[in-house]
Amino acid sequence: MKAKDVLGRAGERVAADYLEDLGIRVIDSNWRCPSGEIDLVALDGAELVIVEVKTRRSLRYGDPLEAVTAAKVARLRTLAVVWARAHSHVMGALRIDAVGIVMDGRGEPVVDHLKGVG
């Protein structure tokens, strides 16, 4: 596995723990289909939450959340419907969240969570 993939997986674990601490239940991770990938799928009450996680080692190339573009959010909305069909989940309320994580290896990861990014 490439170093960036290892960092990405570590960030997804941090994000999942963070969300669980908020009472948001993570029900799937790293779900893939021919159209793309969803990092985390969660439930916040009855609301289906699709979570895009971006992890970096520093802010040298900008904040990780800057990488969550409008096109990415649109793709996640489409993937949410595909995920729901594949899991026989009745679609109700849907929210797209973004979690940015900076893990510099010197201290605790810094987590930034944006609810309802699109």
N, C-alpha and C. Protein backbone atom coordinates (compact mmCIF):
# COMPACT_ATOMS: atom_id res chain seq x y z
N MET A 1 0.84 -1.18 0.00
CA MET A 1 0.00 0.00 0.00
C MET A 1 0.89 1.24 0.00
N LYS A 2 0.51 2.23 -0.80
CA LYS A 2 1.28 3.46 -0.90
C LYS A 2 1.15 4.27 0.39
N ALA A 3 2.15 5.11 0.66
CA ALA A 3 2.16 5.93 1.88
C ALA A 3 0.92 6.82 1.96
N LYS A 4 0.49 7.39 0.83
CA LYS A 4 -0.70 8.25 0.86
C LYS A 4 -1.95 7.45 1.17
N ASP A 5 -1.99 6.19 0.74
CA ASP A 5 -3.14 5.34 1.05
C ASP A 5 -3.16 4.98 2.53
N VAL A 6 -1.98 4.74 3.09
CA VAL A 6 -1.89 4.45 4.53
C VAL A 6 -2.36 5.67 5.33
N LEU A 7 -1.90 6.85 4.93
CA LEU A 7 -2.32 8.08 5.60
C LEU A 7 -3.83 8.27 5.47
N GLY A 8 -4.36 8.03 4.29
CA GLY A 8 -5.80 8.17 4.06
C GLY A 8 -6.62 7.24 4.93
N ARG A 9 -6.20 6.00 5.04
CA ARG A 9 -6.92 5.03 5.88
C ARG A 9 -6.85 5.43 7.35
N ALA A 10 -5.68 5.89 7.77
CA ALA A 10 -5.53 6.34 9.17
C ALA A 10 -6.46 7.52 9.43
N GLY A 11 -6.55 8.44 8.48
CA GLY A 11 -7.44 9.58 8.62
C GLY A 11 -8.89 9.16 8.69
N GLU A 12 -9.27 8.18 7.90
CA GLU A 12 -10.65 7.69 7.93
C GLU A 12 -10.99 7.06 9.27
N ARG A 13 -10.03 6.37 9.88
CA ARG A 13 -10.26 5.80 11.22
C ARG A 13 -10.44 6.91 12.25
N VAL A 14 -9.60 7.96 12.15
CA VAL A 14 -9.73 9.10 13.06
C VAL A 14 -11.10 9.76 12.87
N ALA A 15 -11.50 9.95 11.62
CA ALA A 15 -12.79 10.59 11.33
C ALA A 15 -13.94 9.75 11.87
N ALA A 16 -13.87 8.43 11.67
CA ALA A 16 -14.94 7.55 12.16
C ALA A 16 -15.05 7.63 13.68
N ASP A 17 -13.92 7.60 14.37
CA ASP A 17 -13.94 7.72 15.84
C ASP A 17 -14.51 9.07 16.27
N TYR A 18 -14.12 10.13 15.58
CA TYR A 18 -14.61 11.47 15.88
C TYR A 18 -16.13 11.54 15.74
N LEU A 19 -16.63 11.02 14.62
CA LEU A 19 -18.07 11.04 14.38
C LEU A 19 -18.82 10.22 15.42
N GLU A 20 -18.29 9.04 15.73
CA GLU A 20 -18.93 8.19 16.74
C GLU A 20 -18.98 8.92 18.09
N ASP A 21 -17.93 9.65 18.42
CA ASP A 21 -17.92 10.42 19.67
C ASP A 21 -19.01 11.49 19.69
N LEU A 22 -19.42 11.96 18.50
CA LEU A 22 -20.49 12.95 18.39
C LEU A 22 -21.88 12.29 18.40
N GLY A 23 -21.90 10.96 18.42
CA GLY A 23 -23.17 10.25 18.39
C GLY A 23 -23.65 9.92 16.99
N ILE A 24 -22.79 10.12 16.01
CA ILE A 24 -23.10 9.78 14.61
C ILE A 24 -22.59 8.36 14.38
N ARG A 25 -23.50 7.46 13.99
CA ARG A 25 -23.14 6.05 13.87
C ARG A 25 -22.63 5.73 12.47
N VAL A 26 -21.37 5.32 12.38
CA VAL A 26 -20.77 4.93 11.10
C VAL A 26 -21.23 3.51 10.77
N ILE A 27 -21.84 3.35 9.58
CA ILE A 27 -22.39 2.05 9.21
C ILE A 27 -21.66 1.39 8.03
N ASP A 28 -20.80 2.13 7.35
CA ASP A 28 -20.04 1.56 6.24
C ASP A 28 -18.82 2.44 5.99
N SER A 29 -17.79 1.83 5.44
CA SER A 29 -16.59 2.60 5.11
C SER A 29 -15.94 2.03 3.86
N ASN A 30 -15.28 2.91 3.13
CA ASN A 30 -14.57 2.55 1.91
C ASN A 30 -15.44 1.75 0.95
N TRP A 31 -16.67 2.19 0.79
CA TRP A 31 -17.59 1.49 -0.12
C TRP A 31 -17.28 1.91 -1.55
N ARG A 32 -17.15 0.91 -2.40
CA ARG A 32 -16.80 1.18 -3.80
C ARG A 32 -17.82 0.58 -4.74
N CYS A 33 -17.99 1.25 -5.87
CA CYS A 33 -18.78 0.74 -6.98
C CYS A 33 -18.11 1.27 -8.25
N PRO A 34 -18.58 0.87 -9.41
CA PRO A 34 -17.94 1.36 -10.65
C PRO A 34 -17.95 2.89 -10.78
N SER A 35 -18.88 3.57 -10.11
CA SER A 35 -18.98 5.03 -10.23
C SER A 35 -18.08 5.79 -9.28
N GLY A 36 -17.52 5.11 -8.27
CA GLY A 36 -16.66 5.82 -7.33
C GLY A 36 -16.63 5.18 -5.96
N GLU A 37 -16.20 5.98 -4.97
CA GLU A 37 -16.02 5.47 -3.60
C GLU A 37 -16.60 6.47 -2.61
N ILE A 38 -17.17 5.91 -1.55
CA ILE A 38 -17.61 6.71 -0.42
C ILE A 38 -16.71 6.35 0.75
N ASP A 39 -16.10 7.37 1.37
CA ASP A 39 -15.20 7.09 2.50
C ASP A 39 -15.96 6.54 3.69
N LEU A 40 -16.98 7.26 4.15
CA LEU A 40 -17.76 6.81 5.31
C LEU A 40 -19.24 7.05 5.03
N VAL A 41 -20.05 6.10 5.47
CA VAL A 41 -21.50 6.23 5.44
C VAL A 41 -21.95 6.15 6.90
N ALA A 42 -22.79 7.10 7.30
CA ALA A 42 -23.19 7.15 8.70
C ALA A 42 -24.67 7.51 8.83
N LEU A 43 -25.17 7.33 10.03
CA LEU A 43 -26.52 7.76 10.37
C LEU A 43 -26.44 8.75 11.52
N ASP A 44 -27.06 9.90 11.32
CA ASP A 44 -27.18 10.90 12.38
C ASP A 44 -28.68 10.99 12.66
N GLY A 45 -29.14 10.21 13.63
CA GLY A 45 -30.57 10.02 13.82
C GLY A 45 -31.08 9.25 12.61
N ALA A 46 -32.09 9.79 11.93
CA ALA A 46 -32.64 9.14 10.74
C ALA A 46 -31.98 9.64 9.46
N GLU A 47 -31.08 10.61 9.58
CA GLU A 47 -30.45 11.23 8.41
C GLU A 47 -29.25 10.41 7.93
N LEU A 48 -29.25 10.07 6.65
CA LEU A 48 -28.11 9.39 6.04
C LEU A 48 -27.03 10.43 5.79
N VAL A 49 -25.83 10.14 6.25
CA VAL A 49 -24.72 11.09 6.12
C VAL A 49 -23.60 10.42 5.31
N ILE A 50 -23.25 11.03 4.21
CA ILE A 50 -22.13 10.59 3.38
C ILE A 50 -20.96 11.50 3.74
N VAL A 51 -19.84 10.88 4.11
CA VAL A 51 -18.71 11.66 4.62
C VAL A 51 -17.49 11.50 3.72
N GLU A 52 -17.00 12.63 3.24
CA GLU A 52 -15.75 12.67 2.49
C GLU A 52 -14.64 13.05 3.47
N VAL A 53 -13.60 12.23 3.54
CA VAL A 53 -12.50 12.48 4.46
C VAL A 53 -11.26 12.83 3.65
N LYS A 54 -10.64 13.94 4.01
CA LYS A 54 -9.39 14.37 3.37
C LYS A 54 -8.34 14.51 4.46
N THR A 55 -7.23 13.83 4.28
CA THR A 55 -6.17 13.81 5.29
C THR A 55 -4.86 14.29 4.68
N ARG A 56 -4.18 15.14 5.42
CA ARG A 56 -2.86 15.61 4.99
C ARG A 56 -1.91 15.59 6.18
N ARG A 57 -0.63 15.62 5.86
CA ARG A 57 0.41 15.65 6.91
C ARG A 57 0.67 17.07 7.41
N SER A 58 0.34 18.07 6.58
CA SER A 58 0.55 19.47 6.96
C SER A 58 -0.39 20.35 6.14
N LEU A 59 -0.31 21.64 6.40
CA LEU A 59 -1.10 22.60 5.63
C LEU A 59 -0.27 23.23 4.51
N ARG A 60 0.89 22.67 4.26
CA ARG A 60 1.80 23.22 3.27
C ARG A 60 1.14 23.43 1.90
N TYR A 61 0.27 22.51 1.51
CA TYR A 61 -0.41 22.62 0.22
C TYR A 61 -1.88 23.01 0.39
N GLY A 62 -2.19 23.63 1.52
CA GLY A 62 -3.55 24.09 1.76
C GLY A 62 -4.31 23.20 2.72
N ASP A 63 -5.45 23.69 3.13
CA ASP A 63 -6.32 22.95 4.04
C ASP A 63 -6.91 21.74 3.32
N PRO A 64 -6.99 20.60 3.98
CA PRO A 64 -7.53 19.41 3.31
C PRO A 64 -8.96 19.62 2.80
N LEU A 65 -9.74 20.44 3.48
CA LEU A 65 -11.13 20.64 3.06
C LEU A 65 -11.23 21.41 1.74
N GLU A 66 -10.17 22.09 1.34
CA GLU A 66 -10.18 22.78 0.06
C GLU A 66 -10.28 21.80 -1.11
N ALA A 67 -9.97 20.55 -0.86
CA ALA A 67 -10.02 19.53 -1.91
C ALA A 67 -11.43 18.97 -2.13
N VAL A 68 -12.37 19.39 -1.30
CA VAL A 68 -13.75 18.94 -1.46
C VAL A 68 -14.47 19.96 -2.35
N THR A 69 -14.51 19.65 -3.63
CA THR A 69 -15.06 20.56 -4.63
C THR A 69 -16.56 20.33 -4.83
N ALA A 70 -17.18 21.26 -5.53
CA ALA A 70 -18.61 21.12 -5.86
C ALA A 70 -18.84 19.87 -6.71
N ALA A 71 -17.91 19.58 -7.61
CA ALA A 71 -18.04 18.38 -8.45
C ALA A 71 -17.97 17.12 -7.59
N LYS A 72 -17.09 17.11 -6.59
CA LYS A 72 -16.98 15.96 -5.69
C LYS A 72 -18.27 15.78 -4.89
N VAL A 73 -18.83 16.87 -4.40
CA VAL A 73 -20.08 16.80 -3.64
C VAL A 73 -21.21 16.26 -4.52
N ALA A 74 -21.28 16.72 -5.76
CA ALA A 74 -22.31 16.22 -6.69
C ALA A 74 -22.15 14.73 -6.92
N ARG A 75 -20.91 14.27 -7.08
CA ARG A 75 -20.64 12.84 -7.28
C ARG A 75 -21.05 12.05 -6.04
N LEU A 76 -20.79 12.61 -4.85
CA LEU A 76 -21.17 11.93 -3.61
C LEU A 76 -22.68 11.81 -3.48
N ARG A 77 -23.42 12.81 -3.94
CA ARG A 77 -24.89 12.72 -3.92
C ARG A 77 -25.37 11.55 -4.78
N THR A 78 -24.78 11.41 -5.96
CA THR A 78 -25.11 10.30 -6.84
C THR A 78 -24.74 8.97 -6.20
N LEU A 79 -23.55 8.91 -5.63
CA LEU A 79 -23.10 7.68 -4.97
C LEU A 79 -23.98 7.31 -3.78
N ALA A 80 -24.51 8.32 -3.09
CA ALA A 80 -25.40 8.05 -1.96
C ALA A 80 -26.63 7.27 -2.41
N VAL A 81 -27.19 7.65 -3.55
CA VAL A 81 -28.36 6.95 -4.07
C VAL A 81 -27.99 5.52 -4.46
N VAL A 82 -26.83 5.35 -5.09
CA VAL A 82 -26.37 4.01 -5.49
C VAL A 82 -26.15 3.15 -4.24
N TRP A 83 -25.51 3.74 -3.21
CA TRP A 83 -25.28 3.00 -1.96
C TRP A 83 -26.61 2.58 -1.35
N ALA A 84 -27.57 3.51 -1.28
CA ALA A 84 -28.87 3.22 -0.66
C ALA A 84 -29.57 2.08 -1.39
N ARG A 85 -29.54 2.09 -2.70
CA ARG A 85 -30.16 1.00 -3.47
C ARG A 85 -29.45 -0.32 -3.21
N ALA A 86 -28.13 -0.30 -3.19
CA ALA A 86 -27.36 -1.53 -2.98
C ALA A 86 -27.58 -2.13 -1.60
N HIS A 87 -27.97 -1.29 -0.64
CA HIS A 87 -28.16 -1.75 0.74
C HIS A 87 -29.62 -1.74 1.18
N SER A 88 -30.52 -1.61 0.21
CA SER A 88 -31.96 -1.58 0.50
C SER A 88 -32.30 -0.56 1.59
N HIS A 89 -31.62 0.56 1.54
CA HIS A 89 -31.85 1.62 2.51
C HIS A 89 -32.86 2.59 1.92
N VAL A 90 -33.93 2.83 2.65
CA VAL A 90 -34.94 3.77 2.19
C VAL A 90 -34.39 5.19 2.37
N MET A 91 -34.26 5.89 1.25
CA MET A 91 -33.71 7.24 1.30
C MET A 91 -34.71 8.20 1.93
N GLY A 92 -34.25 8.89 2.91
CA GLY A 92 -35.00 9.97 3.52
C GLY A 92 -34.12 11.20 3.41
N ALA A 93 -33.83 11.79 4.54
CA ALA A 93 -32.95 12.95 4.56
C ALA A 93 -31.52 12.51 4.26
N LEU A 94 -30.83 13.32 3.48
CA LEU A 94 -29.45 13.04 3.10
C LEU A 94 -28.61 14.28 3.39
N ARG A 95 -27.43 14.04 3.95
CA ARG A 95 -26.50 15.13 4.22
C ARG A 95 -25.11 14.69 3.76
N ILE A 96 -24.38 15.61 3.17
CA ILE A 96 -22.99 15.37 2.79
C ILE A 96 -22.12 16.18 3.74
N ASP A 97 -21.23 15.50 4.44
CA ASP A 97 -20.28 16.14 5.35
C ASP A 97 -18.87 15.97 4.81
N ALA A 98 -18.00 16.86 5.22
CA ALA A 98 -16.57 16.75 4.90
C ALA A 98 -15.79 16.82 6.20
N VAL A 99 -14.81 15.94 6.33
CA VAL A 99 -13.94 15.94 7.49
C VAL A 99 -12.51 16.09 6.99
N GLY A 100 -11.86 17.16 7.43
CA GLY A 100 -10.46 17.40 7.09
C GLY A 100 -9.61 17.07 8.30
N ILE A 101 -8.53 16.35 8.06
CA ILE A 101 -7.65 15.92 9.15
C ILE A 101 -6.21 16.25 8.79
N VAL A 102 -5.51 16.83 9.76
CA VAL A 102 -4.07 17.05 9.61
C VAL A 102 -3.39 16.19 10.65
N MET A 103 -2.56 15.27 10.16
CA MET A 103 -1.82 14.34 11.01
C MET A 103 -0.34 14.55 10.74
N ASP A 104 0.30 15.37 11.56
CA ASP A 104 1.72 15.66 11.33
C ASP A 104 2.65 14.68 12.01
N GLY A 105 2.10 13.75 12.79
CA GLY A 105 2.92 12.75 13.45
C GLY A 105 3.57 13.23 14.74
N ARG A 106 3.35 14.50 15.12
CA ARG A 106 3.97 15.03 16.32
C ARG A 106 2.99 15.18 17.47
N GLY A 107 1.74 15.15 17.18
CA GLY A 107 0.73 15.32 18.21
C GLY A 107 -0.56 14.67 17.77
N GLU A 108 -1.62 15.00 18.49
CA GLU A 108 -2.93 14.48 18.13
C GLU A 108 -3.36 15.04 16.78
N PRO A 109 -4.09 14.25 16.00
CA PRO A 109 -4.60 14.77 14.73
C PRO A 109 -5.55 15.95 14.97
N VAL A 110 -5.52 16.89 14.05
CA VAL A 110 -6.43 18.04 14.10
C VAL A 110 -7.59 17.72 13.15
N VAL A 111 -8.81 17.75 13.69
CA VAL A 111 -10.00 17.38 12.93
C VAL A 111 -10.88 18.62 12.73
N ASP A 112 -11.30 18.82 11.48
CA ASP A 112 -12.21 19.90 11.12
C ASP A 112 -13.40 19.26 10.41
N HIS A 113 -14.60 19.43 10.95
CA HIS A 113 -15.79 18.78 10.44
C HIS A 113 -16.77 19.83 9.93
N LEU A 114 -17.12 19.72 8.65
CA LEU A 114 -18.11 20.61 8.06
C LEU A 114 -19.36 19.80 7.74
N LYS A 115 -20.48 20.19 8.34
CA LYS A 115 -21.75 19.50 8.09
C LYS A 115 -22.46 20.16 6.91
N GLY A 116 -23.08 19.31 6.11
CA GLY A 116 -23.91 19.81 5.03
C GLY A 116 -23.18 20.66 4.02
N VAL A 117 -22.14 20.12 3.43
CA VAL A 117 -21.31 20.90 2.51
C VAL A 117 -21.95 21.10 1.14
N GLY A 118 -23.02 20.41 0.87
CA GLY A 118 -23.65 20.60 -0.44
C GLY A 118 -25.00 19.98 -0.55
